[in-house]
């Protein structure tokens, strides 16, 4: 796990996180520095910064106004689909899932990821970017941030083969229990489109997930991008006391969570699932 020469994916990721930090510290309608100023502040190239900003504009977090600059977008309306006391176990998904590592390194958590994982910004996390494939076809891009102290010796093979949470359980003694996840529509950037094999600005689903262990300590923060032409969400809602158990999903793949993860009875706080469509 080397942290000396971050690659292109990591540079874009860090630029995105830095701009997100600015957005989250401001109110809707507030201005943020210009792209030129941000390049100087973050020490990144204009194309790298532009790619990060374009992603945040497409996600509805930033607004560009010609001749005026960039502003924090209005707040989004949030609807919770499931009560907090409902849990489920997620079984194996259809198809043969595999992973291809794009980047694998150790670095300081930084302000935003550190806040998500409830750790010091100076503490180390393992950063992983990986392409998820189903039957050999690109399906999703995942960005994982795992507390480095919990996974000494984590190997590339563990991240490419099998169930990651099973590796955490058996190899590193980390027992995950709960995942809180948010889902938003977005579009893919040029770089993401090339990895997923779709046109630029194609629709996609953005997942943010925070996974905690059995003692409630955050273990992993992940954000994933799933192809919109191959993935859909099906929600099952419990509408009354008699329907309380009907919201439990017994089949399919929970979106944003690698297939097989939580398949051993570990509950997660949601009742939403994703299905891989037969055609694109």
Protein backbone atom coordinates (compact mmCIF):
# COMPACT_ATOMS: atom_id res chain seq x y z
CA UNK A 1 0.00 0.00 0.00
CA UNK A 2 1.93 3.01 -1.26
CA UNK A 3 1.00 6.67 -0.85
CA UNK A 4 3.92 8.38 -2.58
CA UNK A 5 2.60 9.02 -6.10
CA UNK A 6 -1.19 9.38 -6.24
CA UNK A 7 -2.70 8.62 -9.63
CA UNK A 8 -5.19 10.46 -11.76
CA UNK A 9 -8.26 8.93 -10.14
CA UNK A 10 -7.01 9.83 -6.67
CA UNK A 11 -6.13 13.41 -7.64
CA UNK A 12 -9.62 13.95 -9.02
CA UNK A 13 -11.09 12.33 -5.92
CA UNK A 14 -9.13 14.59 -3.57
CA UNK A 15 -10.07 17.68 -5.59
CA UNK A 16 -13.72 16.62 -5.44
CA UNK A 17 -13.52 16.13 -1.66
CA UNK A 18 -11.88 19.54 -1.19
CA UNK A 19 -14.60 21.31 -3.18
CA UNK A 20 -17.26 19.31 -1.30
CA UNK A 21 -15.71 20.53 1.94
CA UNK A 22 -16.16 24.12 0.73
CA UNK A 23 -19.75 23.42 -0.29
CA UNK A 24 -20.64 21.80 3.03
CA UNK A 25 -19.18 24.72 4.98
CA UNK A 26 -21.41 27.22 3.16
CA UNK A 27 -25.14 27.87 2.76
CA UNK A 28 -27.22 27.51 -0.43
CA UNK A 29 -26.59 30.47 -2.73
CA UNK A 30 -23.13 31.25 -1.30
CA UNK A 31 -20.30 31.72 -3.79
CA UNK A 32 -17.22 29.50 -3.87
CA UNK A 33 -13.80 30.52 -5.24
CA UNK A 34 -13.22 30.53 -8.98
CA UNK A 35 -11.68 27.53 -10.73
CA UNK A 36 -8.42 29.45 -11.14
CA UNK A 37 -8.31 30.21 -7.40
CA UNK A 38 -9.19 26.62 -6.51
CA UNK A 39 -6.40 25.27 -8.75
CA UNK A 40 -3.88 27.44 -6.90
CA UNK A 41 -5.35 26.55 -3.50
CA UNK A 42 -5.43 22.79 -4.11
CA UNK A 43 -2.32 22.49 -6.26
CA UNK A 44 -4.08 20.66 -9.10
CA UNK A 45 -4.28 21.24 -12.84
CA UNK A 46 -7.21 23.02 -14.47
CA UNK A 47 -8.47 19.83 -16.23
CA UNK A 48 -8.42 17.88 -12.93
CA UNK A 49 -10.27 20.64 -11.09
CA UNK A 50 -12.73 21.12 -13.96
CA UNK A 51 -13.56 17.38 -13.95
CA UNK A 52 -14.27 17.50 -10.21
CA UNK A 53 -16.40 20.65 -10.51
CA UNK A 54 -18.30 19.24 -13.53
CA UNK A 55 -19.19 16.17 -11.46
CA UNK A 56 -20.53 18.32 -8.61
CA UNK A 57 -22.52 20.49 -11.01
CA UNK A 58 -24.02 17.39 -12.62
CA UNK A 59 -24.86 16.03 -9.15
CA UNK A 60 -26.77 19.21 -8.35
CA UNK A 61 -24.42 20.40 -5.59
CA UNK A 62 -22.98 23.39 -7.47
CA UNK A 63 -24.53 25.93 -9.85
CA UNK A 64 -22.55 27.78 -12.54
CA UNK A 65 -23.84 31.21 -13.53
CA UNK A 66 -22.27 32.68 -16.66
CA UNK A 67 -20.29 35.81 -15.85
CA UNK A 68 -20.88 35.50 -12.10
CA UNK A 69 -19.13 32.34 -10.94
CA UNK A 70 -20.06 29.21 -9.01
CA UNK A 71 -22.54 28.97 -6.16
CA UNK A 72 -23.74 26.36 -3.68
CA UNK A 73 -26.89 24.78 -5.10
CA UNK A 74 -30.26 24.87 -3.29
CA UNK A 75 -30.80 22.08 -0.78
CA UNK A 76 -32.33 18.86 -2.06
CA UNK A 77 -35.61 17.47 -0.79
CA UNK A 78 -35.01 14.24 1.14
CA UNK A 79 -37.56 11.45 1.61
CA UNK A 80 -36.87 8.47 3.86
CA UNK A 81 -38.34 5.28 2.41
CA UNK A 82 -37.97 3.08 5.48
CA UNK A 83 -38.19 3.46 9.25
CA UNK A 84 -34.99 3.36 11.28
CA UNK A 85 -35.90 0.12 13.08
CA UNK A 86 -36.28 -1.96 9.91
CA UNK A 87 -33.36 -4.19 8.97
CA UNK A 88 -32.62 -6.82 6.37
CA UNK A 89 -30.04 -9.31 5.24
CA UNK A 90 -28.74 -9.07 1.70
CA UNK A 91 -28.24 -12.28 -0.32
CA UNK A 92 -26.01 -12.92 -3.30
CA UNK A 93 -26.81 -11.05 -6.52
CA UNK A 94 -27.44 -12.58 -9.93
CA UNK A 95 -24.55 -12.79 -12.37
CA UNK A 96 -20.82 -13.27 -11.87
CA UNK A 97 -19.43 -10.19 -10.09
CA UNK A 98 -15.74 -9.33 -10.19
CA UNK A 99 -13.53 -6.32 -9.49
CA UNK A 100 -10.62 -4.61 -11.22
CA UNK A 101 -8.43 -2.33 -9.12
CA UNK A 102 -7.90 1.17 -10.48
CA UNK A 103 -5.98 2.57 -7.49
CA UNK A 104 -4.88 1.21 -4.11
CA UNK A 105 -2.97 3.36 -1.63
CA UNK A 106 -2.74 4.62 1.95
CA UNK A 107 -3.12 8.31 2.76
CA UNK A 108 -4.36 10.73 5.40
CA UNK A 109 -8.13 10.80 5.77
CA UNK A 110 -8.47 14.55 5.31
CA UNK A 111 -11.24 16.71 6.78
CA UNK A 112 -14.30 15.33 4.99
CA UNK A 113 -13.53 11.58 5.08
CA UNK A 114 -12.21 11.97 8.62
CA UNK A 115 -15.51 13.51 9.68
CA UNK A 116 -17.46 10.69 8.01
CA UNK A 117 -15.38 8.01 9.76
CA UNK A 118 -15.17 9.94 13.06
CA UNK A 119 -11.38 10.00 13.01
CA UNK A 120 -8.64 12.63 12.90
CA UNK A 121 -7.92 14.11 9.45
CA UNK A 122 -4.28 13.12 10.02
CA UNK A 123 -5.08 9.44 10.60
CA UNK A 124 -4.59 7.07 7.70
CA UNK A 125 -7.19 5.39 5.52
CA UNK A 126 -6.81 2.83 2.78
CA UNK A 127 -8.15 4.39 -0.42
CA UNK A 128 -9.36 2.01 -3.11
CA UNK A 129 -10.85 2.78 -6.52
CA UNK A 130 -12.19 -0.31 -8.26
CA UNK A 131 -14.29 -1.11 -11.30
CA UNK A 132 -17.09 -3.61 -10.60
CA UNK A 133 -18.05 -5.95 -13.44
CA UNK A 134 -20.98 -8.35 -13.97
CA UNK A 135 -20.30 -11.23 -16.33
CA UNK A 136 -17.32 -9.24 -17.56
CA UNK A 137 -19.29 -6.05 -18.35
CA UNK A 138 -18.46 -2.82 -16.43
CA UNK A 139 -21.29 -2.01 -14.01
CA UNK A 140 -20.01 0.42 -11.36
CA UNK A 141 -17.07 2.46 -10.09
CA UNK A 142 -16.43 2.33 -6.35
CA UNK A 143 -14.33 4.64 -4.18
CA UNK A 144 -13.64 3.01 -0.79
CA UNK A 145 -12.09 4.62 2.30
CA UNK A 146 -11.30 2.09 5.07
CA UNK A 147 -9.65 2.81 8.43
CA UNK A 148 -6.06 1.71 7.81
CA UNK A 149 -5.52 0.68 11.46
CA UNK A 150 -8.22 -1.98 11.10
CA UNK A 151 -6.79 -3.66 8.00
CA UNK A 152 -3.00 -4.03 8.27
CA UNK A 153 -1.74 -6.06 5.36
CA UNK A 154 -4.91 -5.67 3.31
CA UNK A 155 -4.01 -7.07 -0.10
CA UNK A 156 -4.99 -6.30 -3.67
CA UNK A 157 -6.28 -9.87 -4.04
CA UNK A 158 -8.78 -9.34 -1.20
CA UNK A 159 -10.14 -6.32 -3.05
CA UNK A 160 -10.47 -8.17 -6.36
CA UNK A 161 -11.65 -11.63 -5.29
CA UNK A 162 -14.60 -12.76 -3.21
CA UNK A 163 -16.62 -10.93 -0.59
CA UNK A 164 -14.73 -7.92 0.85
CA UNK A 165 -16.65 -8.04 4.15
CA UNK A 166 -15.93 -11.75 4.46
CA UNK A 167 -12.22 -10.95 4.07
CA UNK A 168 -12.57 -8.24 6.73
CA UNK A 169 -14.29 -10.71 9.04
CA UNK A 170 -11.99 -13.70 8.65
CA UNK A 171 -8.64 -12.07 7.87
CA UNK A 172 -8.80 -8.84 9.87
CA UNK A 173 -11.33 -9.59 12.61
CA UNK A 174 -13.62 -6.71 11.52
CA UNK A 175 -17.31 -7.60 11.87
CA UNK A 176 -19.56 -5.15 10.02
CA UNK A 177 -23.14 -4.81 11.16
CA UNK A 178 -24.92 -1.74 9.76
CA UNK A 179 -24.73 0.40 6.64
CA UNK A 180 -26.54 3.73 6.18
CA UNK A 181 -26.82 4.63 2.52
CA UNK A 182 -28.04 7.55 0.40
CA UNK A 183 -28.95 7.26 -3.30
CA UNK A 184 -29.09 10.09 -5.87
CA UNK A 185 -29.41 10.35 -9.65
CA UNK A 186 -26.45 11.82 -11.53
CA UNK A 187 -24.61 11.60 -14.87
CA UNK A 188 -21.18 10.22 -15.72
CA UNK A 189 -18.16 12.35 -16.52
CA UNK A 190 -15.92 11.69 -19.53
CA UNK A 191 -13.44 9.68 -17.45
CA UNK A 192 -16.20 7.65 -15.81
CA UNK A 193 -17.87 7.06 -19.18
CA UNK A 194 -14.65 5.58 -20.56
CA UNK A 195 -14.38 3.14 -17.64
CA UNK A 196 -18.04 2.11 -17.80
CA UNK A 197 -18.23 1.92 -21.60
CA UNK A 198 -21.13 4.40 -21.92
CA UNK A 199 -21.48 7.85 -23.55
CA UNK A 200 -20.43 10.91 -21.57
CA UNK A 201 -23.28 12.40 -19.48
CA UNK A 202 -25.16 9.10 -19.46
CA UNK A 203 -27.53 8.73 -16.47
CA UNK A 204 -26.18 6.98 -13.40
CA UNK A 205 -26.98 6.28 -9.76
CA UNK A 206 -24.73 7.68 -7.03
CA UNK A 207 -24.56 5.79 -3.73
CA UNK A 208 -22.92 7.02 -0.53
CA UNK A 209 -22.55 4.45 2.23
CA UNK A 210 -21.17 4.52 5.77
CA UNK A 211 -20.54 1.07 7.24
CA UNK A 212 -20.13 0.47 10.98
CA UNK A 213 -18.98 -2.54 12.99
CA UNK A 214 -20.84 -4.36 15.78
CA UNK A 215 -19.75 -1.74 18.33
CA UNK A 216 -21.00 1.16 16.18
CA UNK A 217 -17.55 2.37 15.05
CA UNK A 218 -17.44 3.54 11.40
CA UNK A 219 -15.26 1.16 9.40
CA UNK A 220 -15.70 2.26 5.80
CA UNK A 221 -16.98 5.21 3.78
CA UNK A 222 -17.83 4.46 0.14
CA UNK A 223 -19.31 6.33 -2.76
CA UNK A 224 -20.19 4.36 -5.87
CA UNK A 225 -21.44 5.17 -9.35
CA UNK A 226 -23.73 2.59 -11.01
CA UNK A 227 -24.74 2.60 -14.67
CA UNK A 228 -28.24 4.01 -15.12
CA UNK A 229 -28.92 1.95 -18.23
CA UNK A 230 -28.26 -1.35 -16.47
CA UNK A 231 -29.38 -0.75 -12.91
CA UNK A 232 -32.71 0.08 -11.29
CA UNK A 233 -34.05 0.48 -7.76
CA UNK A 234 -37.09 -1.33 -6.40
CA UNK A 235 -38.46 -0.08 -3.08
CA UNK A 236 -40.69 -2.14 -0.82
CA UNK A 237 -42.54 0.01 1.72
CA UNK A 238 -44.18 -1.18 4.94
CA UNK A 239 -47.40 0.86 5.10
CA UNK A 240 -48.76 -0.43 8.39
CA UNK A 241 -48.05 -2.68 11.39
CA UNK A 242 -49.31 -5.79 9.58
CA UNK A 243 -46.88 -5.12 6.71
CA UNK A 244 -43.81 -4.70 8.93
CA UNK A 245 -42.15 -7.92 7.78
CA UNK A 246 -43.15 -7.48 4.14
CA UNK A 247 -40.49 -4.82 3.70
CA UNK A 248 -37.69 -7.32 4.11
CA UNK A 249 -36.00 -8.09 0.83
CA UNK A 250 -35.33 -11.76 0.25
CA UNK A 251 -33.70 -11.62 -3.17
CA UNK A 252 -31.61 -9.36 -5.39
CA UNK A 253 -28.57 -7.16 -4.86
CA UNK A 254 -28.69 -4.14 -2.54
CA UNK A 255 -27.52 -1.18 -4.68
CA UNK A 256 -24.13 0.19 -3.81
CA UNK A 257 -23.20 -2.82 -1.67
CA UNK A 258 -20.98 -5.44 -3.33
CA UNK A 259 -22.84 -8.73 -3.91
CA UNK A 260 -22.33 -11.20 -1.12
CA UNK A 261 -21.58 -8.49 1.45
CA UNK A 262 -23.94 -8.72 4.43
CA UNK A 263 -25.02 -12.10 3.01
CA UNK A 264 -24.12 -13.87 6.25
CA UNK A 265 -26.90 -12.42 8.37
CA UNK A 266 -25.38 -9.00 9.09
CA UNK A 267 -28.30 -6.52 8.97
CA UNK A 268 -28.27 -3.18 7.18
CA UNK A 269 -30.57 -0.23 7.75
CA UNK A 270 -32.65 -0.16 4.57
CA UNK A 271 -35.24 -2.06 2.54
CA UNK A 272 -34.26 -0.91 -0.93
CA UNK A 273 -32.76 -3.22 -3.54
CA UNK A 274 -31.34 -2.90 -7.03
CA UNK A 275 -31.88 -5.26 -9.93
CA UNK A 276 -29.63 -5.70 -12.92
CA UNK A 277 -31.73 -5.35 -16.01
CA UNK A 278 -31.45 -7.95 -18.73
CA UNK A 279 -30.70 -5.42 -21.46
CA UNK A 280 -29.04 -2.04 -21.69
